[in-house]
Amino acid sequence: LNLPKPTAAQLAKWLRRSGYPILRMDRALQDAVAGGDILSSGSRRARCYELTAPGRLKAYILANQLTVTITGEA
């Protein structure tokens, strides 16, 4: 997204535009926040999210797995 800390409203907007039916970002991300993969700051619609180091690693691994699934190449 090229933003260091996108807001919940921005994330929801971008996900909806991509065709993913999201209602509440706080509820969708609560497990990742509790697990330490995402940090959250602020409140309500101004709440911002950012990946932690372990969260970045998990995102990188998932992106690579998706690429292999789509392209068939490692």
C-alpha atoms as a PDB file:
ATOM      1  CA  LEU A   1       0.000   0.000   0.000  1.00  0.00           C
ATOM      2  CA  ASN A   2       3.097   2.200   0.249  1.00  0.00           C
ATOM      3  CA  LEU A   3       1.956   3.561   3.598  1.00  0.00           C
ATOM      4  CA  PRO A   4       3.825   2.806   6.820  1.00  0.00           C
ATOM      5  CA  LYS A   5       0.652   2.805   8.955  1.00  0.00           C
ATOM      6  CA  PRO A   6      -2.618   2.679   6.974  1.00  0.00           C
ATOM      7  CA  THR A   7      -5.820   3.393   8.864  1.00  0.00           C
ATOM      8  CA  ALA A   8      -8.597   0.866   9.341  1.00  0.00           C
ATOM      9  CA  ALA A   9     -10.799   2.890   6.974  1.00  0.00           C
ATOM     10  CA  GLN A  10      -8.111   2.814   4.244  1.00  0.00           C
ATOM     11  CA  LEU A  11      -7.554  -0.929   4.618  1.00  0.00           C
ATOM     12  CA  ALA A  12     -11.289  -1.640   4.473  1.00  0.00           C
ATOM     13  CA  LYS A  13     -11.704   0.580   1.402  1.00  0.00           C
ATOM     14  CA  TRP A  14      -8.859  -1.118  -0.465  1.00  0.00           C
ATOM     15  CA  LEU A  15     -10.065  -4.597   0.443  1.00  0.00           C
ATOM     16  CA  ARG A  16     -13.614  -3.801  -0.710  1.00  0.00           C
ATOM     17  CA  ARG A  17     -12.279  -2.435  -4.017  1.00  0.00           C
ATOM     18  CA  SER A  18     -10.375  -5.682  -4.553  1.00  0.00           C
ATOM     19  CA  GLY A  19     -13.626  -7.613  -4.121  1.00  0.00           C
ATOM     20  CA  TYR A  20     -13.038  -8.865  -0.569  1.00  0.00           C
ATOM     21  CA  PRO A  21     -16.229  -8.391   1.492  1.00  0.00           C
ATOM     22  CA  ILE A  22     -14.939  -6.883   4.754  1.00  0.00           C
ATOM     23  CA  LEU A  23     -17.129  -5.266   7.385  1.00  0.00           C
ATOM     24  CA  ARG A  24     -14.945  -4.439  10.400  1.00  0.00           C
ATOM     25  CA  MET A  25     -11.150  -4.252  10.231  1.00  0.00           C
ATOM     26  CA  ASP A  26     -10.735  -4.392  14.003  1.00  0.00           C
ATOM     27  CA  ARG A  27     -12.531  -7.719  14.150  1.00  0.00           C
ATOM     28  CA  ALA A  28     -10.777  -9.081  11.068  1.00  0.00           C
ATOM     29  CA  LEU A  29      -7.337  -8.234  12.479  1.00  0.00           C
ATOM     30  CA  GLN A  30      -7.866  -8.975  16.187  1.00  0.00           C
ATOM     31  CA  ASP A  31      -6.204 -12.425  16.056  1.00  0.00           C
ATOM     32  CA  ALA A  32      -3.126 -11.033  14.264  1.00  0.00           C
ATOM     33  CA  VAL A  33      -2.888  -8.187  16.790  1.00  0.00           C
ATOM     34  CA  ALA A  34      -3.248 -10.616  19.708  1.00  0.00           C
ATOM     35  CA  GLY A  35      -0.653 -12.915  18.119  1.00  0.00           C
ATOM     36  CA  GLY A  36       1.877 -10.115  17.769  1.00  0.00           C
ATOM     37  CA  ASP A  37       1.932 -10.033  13.956  1.00  0.00           C
ATOM     38  CA  ILE A  38       0.340  -6.575  13.751  1.00  0.00           C
ATOM     39  CA  LEU A  39       0.613  -3.496  15.955  1.00  0.00           C
ATOM     40  CA  SER A  40      -2.376  -1.194  16.269  1.00  0.00           C
ATOM     41  CA  SER A  41      -2.457   2.389  17.470  1.00  0.00           C
ATOM     42  CA  GLY A  42      -5.096   5.096  17.672  1.00  0.00           C
ATOM     43  CA  SER A  43      -8.810   4.579  18.075  1.00  0.00           C
ATOM     44  CA  ARG A  44     -11.969   4.043  16.085  1.00  0.00           C
ATOM     45  CA  ARG A  45     -11.752   5.018  12.400  1.00  0.00           C
ATOM     46  CA  ALA A  46      -8.337   6.588  12.945  1.00  0.00           C
ATOM     47  CA  ARG A  47      -6.841   3.323  14.236  1.00  0.00           C
ATOM     48  CA  CYS A  48      -3.639   2.525  12.337  1.00  0.00           C
ATOM     49  CA  TYR A  49      -2.013  -0.825  11.747  1.00  0.00           C
ATOM     50  CA  GLU A  50       1.535  -1.914  10.971  1.00  0.00           C
ATOM     51  CA  LEU A  51       3.262  -5.258  10.615  1.00  0.00           C
ATOM     52  CA  THR A  52       5.738  -6.367  13.242  1.00  0.00           C
ATOM     53  CA  ALA A  53       8.946  -8.161  12.208  1.00  0.00           C
ATOM     54  CA  PRO A  54       7.338 -11.610  12.658  1.00  0.00           C
ATOM     55  CA  GLY A  55       4.271 -10.347  10.789  1.00  0.00           C
ATOM     56  CA  ARG A  56       6.421  -9.184   7.869  1.00  0.00           C
ATOM     57  CA  LEU A  57       8.091 -12.584   7.711  1.00  0.00           C
ATOM     58  CA  LYS A  58       4.719 -14.373   7.682  1.00  0.00           C
ATOM     59  CA  ALA A  59       3.442 -12.005   4.968  1.00  0.00           C
ATOM     60  CA  TYR A  60       6.565 -12.635   2.876  1.00  0.00           C
ATOM     61  CA  ILE A  61       6.189 -16.411   3.191  1.00  0.00           C
ATOM     62  CA  LEU A  62       2.476 -16.265   2.301  1.00  0.00           C
ATOM     63  CA  ALA A  63       3.188 -14.044  -0.711  1.00  0.00           C
ATOM     64  CA  ASN A  64       5.832 -16.484  -1.950  1.00  0.00           C
ATOM     65  CA  GLN A  65       3.482 -19.443  -1.496  1.00  0.00           C
ATOM     66  CA  LEU A  66       0.781 -17.604  -3.440  1.00  0.00           C
ATOM     67  CA  THR A  67       3.246 -16.795  -6.224  1.00  0.00           C
ATOM     68  CA  VAL A  68       4.262 -20.466  -6.476  1.00  0.00           C
ATOM     69  CA  THR A  69       0.605 -21.510  -6.533  1.00  0.00           C
ATOM     70  CA  ILE A  70      -0.214 -19.060  -9.314  1.00  0.00           C
ATOM     71  CA  THR A  71       2.900 -19.440 -11.463  1.00  0.00           C
ATOM     72  CA  GLY A  72       3.898 -23.003 -10.614  1.00  0.00           C
ATOM     73  CA  GLU A  73       7.500 -21.837 -10.168  1.00  0.00           C
ATOM     74  CA  ALA A  74       9.560 -21.765  -6.998  1.00  0.00           C
END
